[in-house]
Amino acid sequence: MEPQSDSFRVQVRRRDSLAVLDLFGDIDGFADAALDAAYSEAEAFATSAIMLNFGNVGYINSTGIALIVGLLARARKTQRRLVTCGLSEHYREIFNITRLSDFMTVYDDEESALREVVVA
């Protein structure tokens, strides 16, 4: 997938029974179109879970958090799990404060997510 802005891009891939969105750059209002297109591409894999890999994300502003909430709503509507990995300690805290972590499991890394999500 081509970058939609100078500061954000998404790569979509399938790993076992998990669709993975590898996020690169800053998640802000400019990320909207790229996130939407990538999520739609991941849905086409027809997996029961989609993972957002934040390992290469430098910054998420409040609009970026709102975009993630929108993806969570889409996942819930189609009864898909949305999980994350690669969040920095700062953004783990933000996910706790905003209660996003109440609705999506936060894993340390992709391998941890694969072990639990594929089994569940």
C-alpha atoms as a PDB file:
ATOM      1  CA  MET A   1       0.000   0.000   0.000  1.00  0.00           C
ATOM      2  CA  GLU A   2       1.376   3.399  -0.948  1.00  0.00           C
ATOM      3  CA  PRO A   3       1.742   6.099   1.717  1.00  0.00           C
ATOM      4  CA  GLN A   4      -1.165   8.508   1.928  1.00  0.00           C
ATOM      5  CA  SER A   5       0.886  11.290   3.497  1.00  0.00           C
ATOM      6  CA  ASP A   6       4.529  12.092   4.080  1.00  0.00           C
ATOM      7  CA  SER A   7       4.355  10.960   7.684  1.00  0.00           C
ATOM      8  CA  PHE A   8       2.224   7.781   7.696  1.00  0.00           C
ATOM      9  CA  ARG A   9       1.859   4.500   5.832  1.00  0.00           C
ATOM     10  CA  VAL A  10       0.430   1.035   6.467  1.00  0.00           C
ATOM     11  CA  GLN A  11       1.510  -2.401   5.279  1.00  0.00           C
ATOM     12  CA  VAL A  12      -1.136  -5.155   5.425  1.00  0.00           C
ATOM     13  CA  ARG A  13      -0.212  -8.827   5.689  1.00  0.00           C
ATOM     14  CA  ARG A  14      -1.634 -12.086   6.921  1.00  0.00           C
ATOM     15  CA  ARG A  15       0.110 -14.170   9.534  1.00  0.00           C
ATOM     16  CA  ASP A  16      -1.578 -17.475  10.333  1.00  0.00           C
ATOM     17  CA  SER A  17      -5.161 -16.643  11.296  1.00  0.00           C
ATOM     18  CA  LEU A  18      -4.355 -13.014  12.027  1.00  0.00           C
ATOM     19  CA  ALA A  19      -4.473  -9.990   9.730  1.00  0.00           C
ATOM     20  CA  VAL A  20      -1.673  -7.567  10.647  1.00  0.00           C
ATOM     21  CA  LEU A  21      -1.551  -3.848   9.950  1.00  0.00           C
ATOM     22  CA  ASP A  22       2.054  -2.658  10.299  1.00  0.00           C
ATOM     23  CA  LEU A  23       1.829   1.064  11.012  1.00  0.00           C
ATOM     24  CA  PHE A  24       4.690   3.431  10.139  1.00  0.00           C
ATOM     25  CA  GLY A  25       5.032   7.084  11.115  1.00  0.00           C
ATOM     26  CA  ASP A  26       2.672   9.411  12.942  1.00  0.00           C
ATOM     27  CA  ILE A  27      -1.009   8.681  13.451  1.00  0.00           C
ATOM     28  CA  ASP A  28      -2.970  11.905  13.071  1.00  0.00           C
ATOM     29  CA  GLY A  29      -5.715  13.245  10.816  1.00  0.00           C
ATOM     30  CA  PHE A  30      -3.586  12.564   7.730  1.00  0.00           C
ATOM     31  CA  ALA A  31      -3.619   8.840   8.570  1.00  0.00           C
ATOM     32  CA  ASP A  32      -7.394   8.516   8.112  1.00  0.00           C
ATOM     33  CA  ALA A  33      -7.536   7.426   4.457  1.00  0.00           C
ATOM     34  CA  ALA A  34      -4.572   5.037   4.754  1.00  0.00           C
ATOM     35  CA  LEU A  35      -5.940   3.416   7.926  1.00  0.00           C
ATOM     36  CA  ASP A  36      -9.401   3.052   6.412  1.00  0.00           C
ATOM     37  CA  ALA A  37      -8.085   1.457   3.207  1.00  0.00           C
ATOM     38  CA  ALA A  38      -5.710  -0.844   5.087  1.00  0.00           C
ATOM     39  CA  TYR A  39      -8.418  -1.972   7.488  1.00  0.00           C
ATOM     40  CA  SER A  40     -10.712  -2.784   4.556  1.00  0.00           C
ATOM     41  CA  GLU A  41      -7.893  -4.778   2.954  1.00  0.00           C
ATOM     42  CA  ALA A  42      -7.356  -6.672   6.236  1.00  0.00           C
ATOM     43  CA  GLU A  43     -11.088  -7.441   6.507  1.00  0.00           C
ATOM     44  CA  ALA A  44     -10.870  -9.197   3.144  1.00  0.00           C
ATOM     45  CA  PHE A  45      -8.613 -11.828   4.749  1.00  0.00           C
ATOM     46  CA  ALA A  46     -11.720 -12.965   6.697  1.00  0.00           C
ATOM     47  CA  THR A  47      -9.739 -13.569   9.898  1.00  0.00           C
ATOM     48  CA  SER A  48     -11.347 -13.469  13.339  1.00  0.00           C
ATOM     49  CA  ALA A  49      -8.810 -10.898  14.549  1.00  0.00           C
ATOM     50  CA  ILE A  50      -6.897  -7.914  13.214  1.00  0.00           C
ATOM     51  CA  MET A  51      -3.724  -6.671  14.875  1.00  0.00           C
ATOM     52  CA  LEU A  52      -2.435  -3.123  14.820  1.00  0.00           C
ATOM     53  CA  ASN A  53       1.360  -3.232  15.056  1.00  0.00           C
ATOM     54  CA  PHE A  54       2.531   0.089  16.538  1.00  0.00           C
ATOM     55  CA  GLY A  55       6.232  -0.871  16.587  1.00  0.00           C
ATOM     56  CA  ASN A  56       7.159   1.832  14.048  1.00  0.00           C
ATOM     57  CA  VAL A  57       4.800   4.580  15.223  1.00  0.00           C
ATOM     58  CA  GLY A  58       6.427   7.690  16.636  1.00  0.00           C
ATOM     59  CA  TYR A  59       3.449   9.820  17.563  1.00  0.00           C
ATOM     60  CA  ILE A  60      -0.320   9.520  18.020  1.00  0.00           C
ATOM     61  CA  ASN A  61      -2.380  12.646  18.613  1.00  0.00           C
ATOM     62  CA  SER A  62      -5.996  12.885  19.801  1.00  0.00           C
ATOM     63  CA  THR A  63      -7.293  12.612  16.231  1.00  0.00           C
ATOM     64  CA  GLY A  64      -5.195   9.465  15.828  1.00  0.00           C
ATOM     65  CA  ILE A  65      -6.763   8.018  18.987  1.00  0.00           C
ATOM     66  CA  ALA A  66     -10.191   8.802  17.508  1.00  0.00           C
ATOM     67  CA  LEU A  67      -9.217   6.953  14.305  1.00  0.00           C
ATOM     68  CA  ILE A  68      -8.232   3.916  16.374  1.00  0.00           C
ATOM     69  CA  VAL A  69     -11.566   4.097  18.215  1.00  0.00           C
ATOM     70  CA  GLY A  70     -13.245   4.102  14.788  1.00  0.00           C
ATOM     71  CA  LEU A  71     -11.379   0.921  13.826  1.00  0.00           C
ATOM     72  CA  LEU A  72     -12.453  -0.642  17.107  1.00  0.00           C
ATOM     73  CA  ALA A  73     -16.090   0.201  16.302  1.00  0.00           C
ATOM     74  CA  ARG A  74     -15.729  -1.404  12.860  1.00  0.00           C
ATOM     75  CA  ALA A  75     -14.216  -4.526  14.408  1.00  0.00           C
ATOM     76  CA  ARG A  76     -16.967  -4.825  16.996  1.00  0.00           C
ATOM     77  CA  LYS A  77     -19.644  -4.383  14.337  1.00  0.00           C
ATOM     78  CA  THR A  78     -18.296  -7.395  12.444  1.00  0.00           C
ATOM     79  CA  GLN A  79     -17.546  -9.357  15.638  1.00  0.00           C
ATOM     80  CA  ARG A  80     -13.809  -9.301  15.001  1.00  0.00           C
ATOM     81  CA  ARG A  81     -11.175  -8.903  17.691  1.00  0.00           C
ATOM     82  CA  LEU A  82      -8.881  -5.912  17.365  1.00  0.00           C
ATOM     83  CA  VAL A  83      -5.576  -6.358  19.197  1.00  0.00           C
ATOM     84  CA  THR A  84      -2.369  -4.358  19.355  1.00  0.00           C
ATOM     85  CA  CYS A  85       1.342  -4.869  19.782  1.00  0.00           C
ATOM     86  CA  GLY A  86       4.447  -2.723  19.830  1.00  0.00           C
ATOM     87  CA  LEU A  87       3.056   0.196  21.841  1.00  0.00           C
ATOM     88  CA  SER A  88       5.642   2.274  23.681  1.00  0.00           C
ATOM     89  CA  GLU A  89       5.223   2.647  27.444  1.00  0.00           C
ATOM     90  CA  HIS A  90       3.834   6.160  26.888  1.00  0.00           C
ATOM     91  CA  TYR A  91       1.121   4.962  24.513  1.00  0.00           C
ATOM     92  CA  ARG A  92       0.343   1.947  26.710  1.00  0.00           C
ATOM     93  CA  GLU A  93      -0.448   4.495  29.414  1.00  0.00           C
ATOM     94  CA  ILE A  94      -2.579   6.517  26.973  1.00  0.00           C
ATOM     95  CA  PHE A  95      -4.477   3.343  26.006  1.00  0.00           C
ATOM     96  CA  ASN A  96      -5.065   2.689  29.725  1.00  0.00           C
ATOM     97  CA  ILE A  97      -6.198   6.265  30.457  1.00  0.00           C
ATOM     98  CA  THR A  98      -8.565   6.333  27.470  1.00  0.00           C
ATOM     99  CA  ARG A  99      -9.729   2.788  28.335  1.00  0.00           C
ATOM    100  CA  LEU A 100      -8.890   1.540  24.841  1.00  0.00           C
ATOM    101  CA  SER A 101      -7.034  -1.308  26.524  1.00  0.00           C
ATOM    102  CA  ASP A 102     -10.374  -2.395  28.057  1.00  0.00           C
ATOM    103  CA  PHE A 103     -11.625  -3.179  24.545  1.00  0.00           C
ATOM    104  CA  MET A 104      -8.510  -4.409  22.759  1.00  0.00           C
ATOM    105  CA  THR A 105      -5.762  -6.592  24.159  1.00  0.00           C
ATOM    106  CA  VAL A 106      -2.340  -4.961  24.199  1.00  0.00           C
ATOM    107  CA  TYR A 107       0.510  -7.406  23.562  1.00  0.00           C
ATOM    108  CA  ASP A 108       4.221  -6.732  23.962  1.00  0.00           C
ATOM    109  CA  ASP A 109       5.044  -8.120  20.537  1.00  0.00           C
ATOM    110  CA  GLU A 110       3.610  -9.944  17.545  1.00  0.00           C
ATOM    111  CA  GLU A 111       4.717 -13.379  18.767  1.00  0.00           C
ATOM    112  CA  SER A 112       2.805 -12.984  22.047  1.00  0.00           C
ATOM    113  CA  ALA A 113      -0.309 -11.970  20.149  1.00  0.00           C
ATOM    114  CA  LEU A 114       0.008 -14.895  17.751  1.00  0.00           C
ATOM    115  CA  ARG A 115       0.301 -17.401  20.598  1.00  0.00           C
ATOM    116  CA  GLU A 116      -2.850 -16.147  22.315  1.00  0.00           C
ATOM    117  CA  VAL A 117      -5.044 -14.984  19.436  1.00  0.00           C
ATOM    118  CA  VAL A 118      -4.577 -18.101  17.307  1.00  0.00           C
ATOM    119  CA  VAL A 119      -5.406 -20.322  20.303  1.00  0.00           C
ATOM    120  CA  ALA A 120      -8.450 -18.279  21.403  1.00  0.00           C
END
